[in-house]
Amino acid sequence: MLRRASKTVSLVAAAVLALAACTPGNPADGNRTIKVAYQKTDSFTALDTMFQDAKKEFETANQGVTIELQPIQANDDDYGTKLALALRSPSTAPDVFYEDTFKVRSDVDAGYLLNLDSRLKGWGDWEKFDDGAKEAGKADDGGTYAVPLGTDTRAIWYNKKVFEAAGVGLPWQPSSWQDILDTARKIKASSPDVIPFNMYAGKGTGEGTVMQGFYELLYGTGSGLYDPESKKWVVGSAGFKDSLAFLQTLYKEKLAVAPAEALDPNIWKKVFGEWFPKAKLGATVEGSYAPSFWQDGGSYAWPGYGQEMGVAPFPTQNGGAPGAVSMSGGWTLAVGAETKQPDLAFNFLTTALNAKNSLAFTVASSQIAVRADVAADPGYQSANPFMKDVSGLVAVTKFRPATSDYPRISAAVQEATEAVITGSRTPEQAAADYDTAVAGIVGGDKTIRK
């Protein structure tokens, strides 16, 4: 009897163990919570919606698992700071997080991101992602540490009413920087209470200063920040000084906003929510995501934006080939290197970025699709009246240097623009200060004059 009873107990125990193995969330499995950190603002809720949907989907399919969403209310720069603080300690580091592409390499160097190579090989959807977009998630060792959510392009967005009042022909397509200045001066002459042409500058708007402003200028001169052949940072370029000089003209002639207003980190809210809808702004350089603010359900819903707004490529300095320049960035999802449950965290990431969730997020946030199946979807192609125009700019777009030094170099560029628009330095002086700063960041032997 005893042996029989023992056998019975053993069978029951085996059944319990087998059941436990098939039922995620058994207390014996320990912590089954995945912490997800991401950015959320009053005007950017598409990502929160995507994660809410993914949470429901994942928890239904994985009973006992809890997805703990940790939205961080902050602008881009503040979000990056708060995320960096969280990543420094295993006790606060999230399992999955929203990561700007330009931070990937520096955060890999800091040991914050998990290498995803082995897991991506087993994910069938990975082959549907654009090869160029995949590069944004790679580090210096060639491994992939983050999965792209979407990308974007930059263009000039302009208000047709303002342009018509100034007698500017439509559709507007400037062929050089001089065309931009000439048009801005016309607007200023016809409507003194209107801001003719906004271009972000200074440290207040952070990465927006360089991505929606300075880099369109710099790359349009034929110069650049980084020489990929020598793998050195460019200093002493005429293009850098010319770009600063353009900003100086724009601000000195009061064709842009007042310098004090330009330094406001939240100036973009006025651009999208007030100035354009009220025809108080002629034009600005902004991202392909601009319609997401104005479309139905957006933070600054504006039913007439499709008829009242126009979009044009940003021209090269003197109209030289290829005629226009754009910048692309984008964001990714990454898995924390300190996660105790890497497989579960990665599986949640793939749920968040499956075809359904990616399509909804891409349309809601007016992103450029990075999945072939999303790009082919009729819902994506008809998402807003400007999708074809901004998608076409991929042909002339540039990407930021993908190095771990880049965030500090970007800060030095922002300082140079602020010095010029506030009048504390001339373009030549600010460019010289930048050269000194770059040498201090990377070392003089890692710079090249050209």
Protein backbone atom coordinates (compact mmCIF):
# COMPACT_ATOMS: atom_id res chain seq x y z
CA MET A 1 0.00 0.00 0.00
CA LEU A 2 2.75 2.36 0.95
CA ARG A 3 4.56 1.79 -2.34
CA ARG A 4 1.24 2.19 -4.22
CA ALA A 5 0.43 5.37 -2.27
CA SER A 6 3.91 6.70 -3.00
CA LYS A 7 3.46 5.92 -6.66
CA THR A 8 0.08 7.71 -6.62
CA VAL A 9 1.64 10.72 -4.93
CA SER A 10 4.44 10.68 -7.46
CA LEU A 11 1.96 10.67 -10.34
CA VAL A 12 0.01 13.54 -8.80
CA ALA A 13 3.23 15.46 -8.22
CA ALA A 14 4.29 14.84 -11.83
CA ALA A 15 0.90 16.07 -13.04
CA VAL A 16 1.21 19.20 -10.93
CA LEU A 17 4.69 19.84 -12.27
CA ALA A 18 3.49 19.28 -15.83
CA LEU A 19 0.55 21.65 -15.30
CA ALA A 20 2.86 24.24 -13.80
CA ALA A 21 5.11 24.01 -16.83
CA CYS A 22 2.13 24.68 -19.14
CA THR A 23 0.64 27.51 -17.10
CA PRO A 24 2.71 30.69 -17.06
CA GLY A 25 2.41 32.68 -13.91
CA ASN A 26 2.70 29.92 -11.34
CA PRO A 27 4.21 31.43 -8.19
CA ALA A 28 7.00 28.89 -8.47
CA ASP A 29 8.16 30.72 -11.59
CA GLY A 30 8.99 33.81 -9.51
CA ASN A 31 8.59 37.29 -10.92
CA ARG A 32 6.49 37.25 -14.08
CA THR A 33 6.18 40.99 -14.51
CA ILE A 34 7.67 42.81 -17.49
CA LYS A 35 8.30 46.51 -16.97
CA VAL A 36 7.95 48.67 -20.06
CA ALA A 37 9.21 52.28 -20.11
CA TYR A 38 8.29 54.73 -22.84
CA GLN A 39 7.54 58.36 -23.60
CA LYS A 40 4.08 59.84 -23.41
CA THR A 41 3.05 63.48 -23.71
CA ASP A 42 -0.22 65.34 -24.05
CA SER A 43 0.39 65.49 -27.79
CA PHE A 44 2.03 62.09 -28.27
CA THR A 45 -0.26 59.28 -27.16
CA ALA A 46 0.07 56.88 -30.11
CA LEU A 47 2.81 54.89 -28.40
CA ASP A 48 0.79 54.60 -25.20
CA THR A 49 -2.16 53.29 -27.22
CA MET A 50 0.09 50.75 -28.94
CA PHE A 51 1.46 49.47 -25.65
CA GLN A 52 -2.00 49.33 -24.05
CA ASP A 53 -3.18 47.15 -26.96
CA ALA A 54 -0.05 44.99 -26.83
CA LYS A 55 -0.44 44.54 -23.06
CA LYS A 56 -3.99 43.18 -23.48
CA GLU A 57 -2.91 40.90 -26.31
CA PHE A 58 0.15 39.57 -24.50
CA GLU A 59 -1.49 39.05 -21.10
CA THR A 60 -4.38 37.17 -22.75
CA ALA A 61 -1.96 34.85 -24.48
CA ASN A 62 0.30 34.48 -21.43
CA GLN A 63 -1.89 34.02 -18.38
CA GLY A 64 -0.22 35.03 -15.16
CA VAL A 65 2.16 37.44 -16.82
CA THR A 66 1.77 41.12 -15.98
CA ILE A 67 2.91 43.86 -18.32
CA GLU A 68 3.63 46.88 -16.15
CA LEU A 69 3.48 49.98 -18.32
CA GLN A 70 5.62 52.88 -17.10
CA PRO A 71 4.90 55.91 -19.31
CA ILE A 72 7.28 58.82 -18.73
CA GLN A 73 5.71 62.25 -19.18
CA ALA A 74 8.52 64.27 -20.75
CA ASN A 75 9.79 65.83 -23.94
CA ASP A 76 12.43 63.97 -25.96
CA ASP A 77 15.47 65.25 -24.07
CA ASP A 78 13.95 64.89 -20.61
CA TYR A 79 12.75 61.41 -21.50
CA GLY A 80 16.30 60.45 -22.48
CA THR A 81 17.64 61.78 -19.19
CA LYS A 82 15.05 59.97 -17.08
CA LEU A 83 15.53 56.72 -18.99
CA ALA A 84 19.31 56.94 -18.58
CA LEU A 85 18.89 57.34 -14.83
CA ALA A 86 16.61 54.30 -14.67
CA LEU A 87 19.01 52.19 -16.72
CA ARG A 88 21.91 52.82 -14.34
CA SER A 89 20.54 50.48 -11.68
CA PRO A 90 19.26 46.90 -12.12
CA SER A 91 16.55 47.71 -9.56
CA THR A 92 15.07 50.47 -11.72
CA ALA A 93 16.01 49.36 -15.23
CA PRO A 94 12.95 48.48 -17.37
CA ASP A 95 12.79 45.16 -19.21
CA VAL A 96 11.64 46.78 -22.47
CA PHE A 97 12.00 50.43 -23.40
CA TYR A 98 11.58 53.06 -26.08
CA GLU A 99 14.99 54.12 -27.37
CA ASP A 100 15.96 56.94 -29.75
CA THR A 101 18.10 55.62 -32.62
CA PHE A 102 20.90 58.05 -31.93
CA LYS A 103 21.27 56.71 -28.38
CA VAL A 104 21.55 53.02 -29.35
CA ARG A 105 25.32 52.86 -29.79
CA SER A 106 26.22 54.89 -26.74
CA ASP A 107 23.80 52.86 -24.60
CA VAL A 108 25.22 49.60 -25.94
CA ASP A 109 28.68 50.84 -24.96
CA ALA A 110 27.29 51.60 -21.50
CA GLY A 111 26.03 48.03 -21.22
CA TYR A 112 22.34 48.90 -21.07
CA LEU A 113 20.98 46.96 -24.08
CA LEU A 114 20.64 43.22 -24.62
CA ASN A 115 22.01 41.72 -27.85
CA LEU A 116 19.00 40.42 -29.79
CA ASP A 117 20.75 38.51 -32.61
CA SER A 118 19.90 34.96 -31.52
CA ARG A 119 16.29 35.83 -30.80
CA LEU A 120 15.73 37.78 -34.02
CA LYS A 121 16.83 34.72 -36.03
CA GLY A 122 13.79 32.90 -34.71
CA TRP A 123 11.30 35.71 -35.35
CA GLY A 124 9.66 35.26 -38.75
CA ASP A 125 8.56 38.90 -39.00
CA TRP A 126 12.15 40.20 -38.89
CA GLU A 127 12.63 39.64 -42.64
CA LYS A 128 9.76 42.06 -43.31
CA PHE A 129 11.68 44.98 -41.81
CA ASP A 130 13.52 47.36 -44.13
CA ASP A 131 17.26 46.64 -44.25
CA GLY A 132 18.13 50.33 -43.93
CA ALA A 133 15.94 50.70 -40.87
CA LYS A 134 17.56 47.66 -39.29
CA GLU A 135 20.90 49.48 -39.31
CA ALA A 136 19.53 51.93 -36.73
CA GLY A 137 19.45 49.16 -34.14
CA LYS A 138 23.02 47.96 -34.67
CA ALA A 139 26.08 48.68 -32.55
CA ASP A 140 29.78 48.93 -33.41
CA ASP A 141 30.19 45.15 -32.99
CA GLY A 142 27.68 44.55 -35.81
CA GLY A 143 25.09 43.05 -33.50
CA THR A 144 21.47 44.19 -33.34
CA TYR A 145 20.32 45.61 -30.01
CA ALA A 146 17.08 47.38 -30.91
CA VAL A 147 14.15 46.93 -33.31
CA PRO A 148 12.90 49.94 -35.31
CA LEU A 149 9.38 51.25 -34.72
CA GLY A 150 9.32 53.57 -37.68
CA THR A 151 11.29 56.31 -39.30
CA ASP A 152 10.61 59.78 -40.63
CA THR A 153 11.75 62.47 -43.02
CA ARG A 154 11.95 66.27 -42.72
CA ALA A 155 10.52 68.90 -45.05
CA ILE A 156 9.31 72.49 -45.13
CA TRP A 157 5.69 72.78 -44.00
CA TYR A 158 4.02 76.01 -45.07
CA ASN A 159 0.67 77.75 -44.64
CA LYS A 160 -0.94 78.46 -48.03
CA LYS A 161 -3.05 81.35 -46.72
CA VAL A 162 0.05 83.18 -45.52
CA PHE A 163 1.85 82.58 -48.80
CA GLU A 164 -1.13 83.69 -50.90
CA ALA A 165 -1.44 86.89 -48.86
CA ALA A 166 2.21 87.63 -49.65
CA GLY A 167 1.73 86.93 -53.36
CA VAL A 168 3.91 83.82 -53.35
CA GLY A 169 3.02 81.36 -56.12
CA LEU A 170 1.75 77.92 -55.13
CA PRO A 171 2.75 75.18 -54.90
CA TRP A 172 5.89 76.66 -53.43
CA GLN A 173 9.19 74.95 -54.10
CA PRO A 174 12.32 76.89 -53.12
CA SER A 175 15.37 75.90 -55.16
CA SER A 176 18.01 77.51 -52.92
CA TRP A 177 18.52 79.13 -49.53
CA GLN A 178 18.17 82.49 -51.22
CA ASP A 179 14.65 81.54 -52.34
CA ILE A 180 13.75 80.87 -48.70
CA LEU A 181 15.07 84.25 -47.57
CA ASP A 182 13.36 86.07 -50.46
CA THR A 183 10.02 84.45 -49.62
CA ALA A 184 10.39 85.15 -45.91
CA ARG A 185 11.08 88.82 -46.65
CA LYS A 186 7.94 89.00 -48.82
CA ILE A 187 5.84 87.58 -46.00
CA LYS A 188 7.35 89.99 -43.49
CA ALA A 189 6.58 92.91 -45.78
CA SER A 190 2.97 91.89 -46.42
CA SER A 191 2.07 90.60 -42.93
CA PRO A 192 4.33 92.11 -40.22
CA ASP A 193 2.45 90.23 -37.47
CA VAL A 194 3.25 86.85 -39.03
CA ILE A 195 6.42 84.81 -38.33
CA PRO A 196 7.76 84.23 -41.86
CA PHE A 197 10.04 81.21 -41.43
CA ASN A 198 10.74 79.30 -38.22
CA MET A 199 13.89 77.24 -37.87
CA TYR A 200 14.70 75.67 -34.52
CA ALA A 201 17.98 76.74 -32.93
CA GLY A 202 19.64 76.66 -29.54
CA LYS A 203 19.85 74.10 -26.75
CA GLY A 204 16.21 74.43 -25.67
CA THR A 205 14.82 72.36 -28.51
CA GLY A 206 17.64 69.83 -28.19
CA GLU A 207 17.83 67.29 -30.97
CA GLY A 208 15.02 69.12 -32.77
CA THR A 209 17.46 71.97 -33.38
CA VAL A 210 19.76 69.81 -35.45
CA MET A 211 17.29 67.39 -37.03
CA GLN A 212 14.73 70.06 -38.03
CA GLY A 213 17.10 72.83 -38.97
CA PHE A 214 20.85 72.81 -38.85
CA TYR A 215 21.50 69.46 -40.56
CA GLU A 216 19.24 70.36 -43.51
CA LEU A 217 21.48 73.39 -43.94
CA LEU A 218 24.80 71.64 -43.36
CA TYR A 219 24.19 68.64 -45.62
CA GLY A 220 22.81 70.99 -48.26
CA THR A 221 26.25 72.62 -48.52
CA GLY A 222 27.87 69.31 -49.46
CA SER A 223 29.61 69.14 -46.10
CA GLY A 224 28.80 66.91 -43.15
CA LEU A 225 29.50 66.21 -39.51
CA TYR A 226 31.44 62.99 -39.92
CA ASP A 227 33.73 61.57 -42.58
CA PRO A 228 32.86 57.85 -42.83
CA GLU A 229 35.96 57.01 -44.88
CA SER A 230 38.49 58.30 -42.37
CA LYS A 231 36.07 57.73 -39.45
CA LYS A 232 36.85 61.21 -38.18
CA TRP A 233 34.71 64.21 -37.25
CA VAL A 234 34.80 67.10 -39.71
CA VAL A 235 36.00 70.48 -38.43
CA GLY A 236 36.80 73.76 -40.13
CA SER A 237 34.29 73.32 -42.94
CA ALA A 238 32.95 76.27 -44.91
CA GLY A 239 29.56 74.56 -44.92
CA PHE A 240 29.35 74.69 -41.14
CA LYS A 241 30.04 78.42 -41.09
CA ASP A 242 27.63 79.05 -43.99
CA SER A 243 24.88 77.20 -42.14
CA LEU A 244 25.38 79.32 -39.04
CA ALA A 245 25.43 82.44 -41.20
CA PHE A 246 22.02 81.50 -42.67
CA LEU A 247 20.58 81.19 -39.16
CA GLN A 248 22.14 84.52 -38.22
CA THR A 249 20.43 86.22 -41.19
CA LEU A 250 17.09 84.60 -40.40
CA TYR A 251 17.12 85.72 -36.77
CA LYS A 252 18.87 89.06 -37.23
CA GLU A 253 16.31 90.21 -39.84
CA LYS A 254 13.50 88.97 -37.56
CA LEU A 255 12.30 86.54 -40.17
CA ALA A 256 12.15 83.86 -37.46
CA VAL A 257 10.87 84.01 -33.88
CA ALA A 258 12.62 86.13 -31.25
CA PRO A 259 15.73 84.36 -29.85
CA ALA A 260 14.20 84.16 -26.37
CA GLU A 261 11.19 82.33 -27.79
CA ALA A 262 13.41 80.03 -29.86
CA LEU A 263 15.06 78.80 -26.67
CA ASP A 264 11.72 77.61 -25.24
CA PRO A 265 11.75 73.77 -25.29
CA ASN A 266 8.00 73.79 -25.94
CA ILE A 267 8.00 76.16 -28.90
CA TRP A 268 6.90 73.29 -31.15
CA LYS A 269 3.54 73.24 -29.36
CA LYS A 270 2.90 76.79 -30.57
CA VAL A 271 4.00 75.82 -34.07
CA PHE A 272 1.52 72.96 -34.37
CA GLY A 273 -1.23 74.04 -32.02
CA GLU A 274 -1.44 77.77 -32.49
CA TRP A 275 0.63 79.47 -35.17
CA PHE A 276 -0.12 77.29 -38.18
CA PRO A 277 -3.86 76.81 -37.52
CA LYS A 278 -4.26 80.58 -36.96
CA ALA A 279 -2.13 81.52 -40.01
CA LYS A 280 0.46 83.23 -37.79
CA LEU A 281 3.40 81.29 -39.21
CA GLY A 282 4.53 81.12 -42.82
CA ALA A 283 6.72 78.02 -42.77
CA THR A 284 8.93 75.78 -40.67
CA VAL A 285 11.14 72.75 -41.04
CA GLU A 286 9.46 69.79 -39.39
CA GLY A 287 9.04 66.05 -39.56
CA SER A 288 6.83 63.85 -41.70
CA TYR A 289 4.89 63.20 -38.52
CA ALA A 290 3.42 66.72 -38.57
CA PRO A 291 -0.07 65.58 -39.73
CA SER A 292 -0.38 63.36 -36.66
CA PHE A 293 -0.95 66.49 -34.59
CA TRP A 294 -3.69 67.82 -36.86
CA GLN A 295 -5.57 64.75 -38.00
CA ASP A 296 -8.74 63.56 -36.32
CA GLY A 297 -7.86 62.45 -32.80
CA GLY A 298 -4.57 64.37 -32.83
CA SER A 299 -3.50 66.73 -30.06
CA TYR A 300 -4.29 69.81 -32.17
CA ALA A 301 -7.05 68.49 -34.42
CA TRP A 302 -7.45 70.81 -37.39
CA PRO A 303 -9.98 69.62 -39.98
CA GLY A 304 -8.73 72.05 -42.64
CA TYR A 305 -5.01 71.21 -42.48
CA GLY A 306 -5.11 69.13 -45.66
CA GLN A 307 -6.30 72.12 -47.68
CA GLU A 308 -4.48 74.93 -45.86
CA MET A 309 -1.03 73.36 -45.50
CA GLY A 310 1.58 72.56 -48.12
CA VAL A 311 4.87 70.68 -47.99
CA ALA A 312 8.10 71.21 -49.93
CA PRO A 313 11.55 69.59 -49.88
CA PHE A 314 14.30 71.65 -48.21
CA PRO A 315 16.63 72.89 -50.99
CA THR A 316 20.38 72.55 -51.14
CA GLN A 317 22.38 75.72 -50.58
CA ASN A 318 22.59 76.87 -54.22
CA GLY A 319 20.34 74.34 -55.90
CA GLY A 320 23.08 71.79 -56.56
CA ALA A 321 22.42 68.05 -56.90
CA PRO A 322 20.41 66.31 -55.65
CA GLY A 323 18.37 69.50 -55.24
CA ALA A 324 16.98 68.74 -51.80
CA VAL A 325 17.98 67.31 -48.48
CA SER A 326 16.10 65.62 -45.68
CA MET A 327 16.96 64.00 -42.37
CA SER A 328 15.70 60.73 -40.98
CA GLY A 329 15.73 59.50 -37.44
CA GLY A 330 13.27 57.28 -35.70
CA TRP A 331 12.85 55.29 -32.54
CA THR A 332 13.28 51.68 -31.55
CA LEU A 333 12.29 49.21 -28.87
CA ALA A 334 15.07 47.57 -26.90
CA VAL A 335 15.39 44.94 -24.18
CA GLY A 336 17.35 45.85 -21.07
CA ALA A 337 20.63 44.01 -20.50
CA GLU A 338 19.70 43.55 -16.82
CA THR A 339 16.35 41.89 -17.45
CA LYS A 340 15.84 38.66 -15.54
CA GLN A 341 13.43 37.39 -18.21
CA PRO A 342 15.01 38.08 -21.59
CA ASP A 343 12.83 35.65 -23.55
CA LEU A 344 9.58 36.96 -22.09
CA ALA A 345 10.69 40.56 -22.63
CA PHE A 346 11.65 39.86 -26.24
CA ASN A 347 8.35 38.08 -26.86
CA PHE A 348 6.46 41.14 -25.59
CA LEU A 349 8.55 43.33 -27.91
CA THR A 350 7.52 41.19 -30.88
CA THR A 351 3.86 41.45 -29.85
CA ALA A 352 4.11 45.24 -29.64
CA LEU A 353 5.68 45.35 -33.11
CA ASN A 354 3.56 42.76 -34.90
CA ALA A 355 1.84 43.80 -38.15
CA LYS A 356 -1.43 44.89 -36.51
CA ASN A 357 0.09 47.00 -33.79
CA SER A 358 2.77 48.45 -36.09
CA LEU A 359 0.15 49.54 -38.64
CA ALA A 360 -1.98 51.25 -36.01
CA PHE A 361 1.01 53.07 -34.51
CA THR A 362 2.48 54.07 -37.88
CA VAL A 363 -0.80 55.58 -39.07
CA ALA A 364 -1.63 57.30 -35.77
CA SER A 365 1.81 58.90 -35.50
CA SER A 366 2.30 59.58 -39.25
CA GLN A 367 5.52 57.57 -39.36
CA ILE A 368 7.31 56.24 -42.43
CA ALA A 369 6.71 52.46 -42.35
CA VAL A 370 9.68 50.14 -41.76
CA ARG A 371 7.75 46.90 -42.34
CA ALA A 372 7.00 45.91 -45.95
CA ASP A 373 3.53 44.61 -45.07
CA VAL A 374 2.63 47.85 -43.28
CA ALA A 375 3.95 49.96 -46.18
CA ALA A 376 1.75 48.01 -48.61
CA ASP A 377 -1.40 48.37 -46.54
CA PRO A 378 -4.06 50.69 -48.07
CA GLY A 379 -4.72 52.16 -44.64
CA TYR A 380 -1.12 53.35 -44.45
CA GLN A 381 -0.99 54.70 -47.98
CA SER A 382 -4.10 56.85 -47.45
CA ALA A 383 -3.31 57.86 -43.86
CA ASN A 384 -2.95 61.59 -44.66
CA PRO A 385 -2.80 63.86 -47.74
CA PHE A 386 0.99 64.26 -47.52
CA MET A 387 2.10 60.64 -47.13
CA LYS A 388 3.33 60.36 -50.73
CA ASP A 389 5.29 63.64 -50.55
CA VAL A 390 7.12 62.88 -47.31
CA SER A 391 7.76 59.24 -48.20
CA GLY A 392 9.42 60.38 -51.44
CA LEU A 393 12.03 62.29 -49.44
CA VAL A 394 13.61 59.00 -48.43
CA ALA A 395 15.52 59.30 -51.74
CA VAL A 396 17.43 62.37 -50.49
CA THR A 397 17.51 61.72 -46.77
CA LYS A 398 20.53 61.61 -44.49
CA PHE A 399 21.08 59.87 -41.17
CA ARG A 400 22.97 61.05 -38.14
CA PRO A 401 26.41 59.52 -37.55
CA ALA A 402 25.84 56.26 -35.74
CA THR A 403 28.63 56.53 -33.18
CA SER A 404 28.66 56.60 -29.40
CA ASP A 405 30.22 60.10 -29.52
CA TYR A 406 27.31 61.56 -31.45
CA PRO A 407 25.07 62.79 -28.55
CA ARG A 408 27.89 65.03 -27.24
CA ILE A 409 28.73 66.29 -30.72
CA SER A 410 25.06 67.15 -31.24
CA ALA A 411 25.07 69.17 -28.02
CA ALA A 412 28.08 71.13 -29.30
CA VAL A 413 26.23 71.94 -32.53
CA GLN A 414 23.22 73.14 -30.57
CA GLU A 415 25.47 75.41 -28.51
CA ALA A 416 26.93 76.90 -31.70
CA THR A 417 23.46 77.73 -33.06
CA GLU A 418 22.41 79.31 -29.77
CA ALA A 419 25.53 81.48 -29.66
CA VAL A 420 24.77 82.80 -33.16
CA ILE A 421 21.03 83.52 -32.83
CA THR A 422 21.54 85.30 -29.50
CA GLY A 423 24.34 87.36 -30.99
CA SER A 424 26.97 86.31 -28.45
CA ARG A 425 29.23 84.89 -31.20
CA THR A 426 29.65 85.43 -34.92
CA PRO A 427 29.28 82.40 -37.19
CA GLU A 428 33.07 82.23 -37.52
CA GLN A 429 33.59 82.39 -33.75
CA ALA A 430 30.86 79.85 -33.02
CA ALA A 431 32.29 77.48 -35.64
CA ALA A 432 35.76 77.81 -34.08
CA ASP A 433 34.28 77.09 -30.63
CA TYR A 434 32.61 74.01 -32.10
CA ASP A 435 35.88 72.77 -33.57
CA THR A 436 37.54 73.11 -30.16
CA ALA A 437 34.65 71.31 -28.47
CA VAL A 438 34.79 68.41 -30.94
CA ALA A 439 38.53 67.97 -30.43
CA GLY A 440 37.93 67.93 -26.68
CA ILE A 441 35.23 65.27 -27.01
CA VAL A 442 36.87 62.83 -29.41
CA GLY A 443 40.53 63.92 -29.41
CA GLY A 444 42.30 65.98 -32.03
CA ASP A 445 43.48 62.85 -33.87
CA LYS A 446 39.85 61.90 -34.49
CA THR A 447 39.07 65.12 -36.40
CA ILE A 448 39.67 66.04 -40.02
CA ARG A 449 39.63 69.46 -41.66
CA LYS A 450 37.67 69.50 -44.91
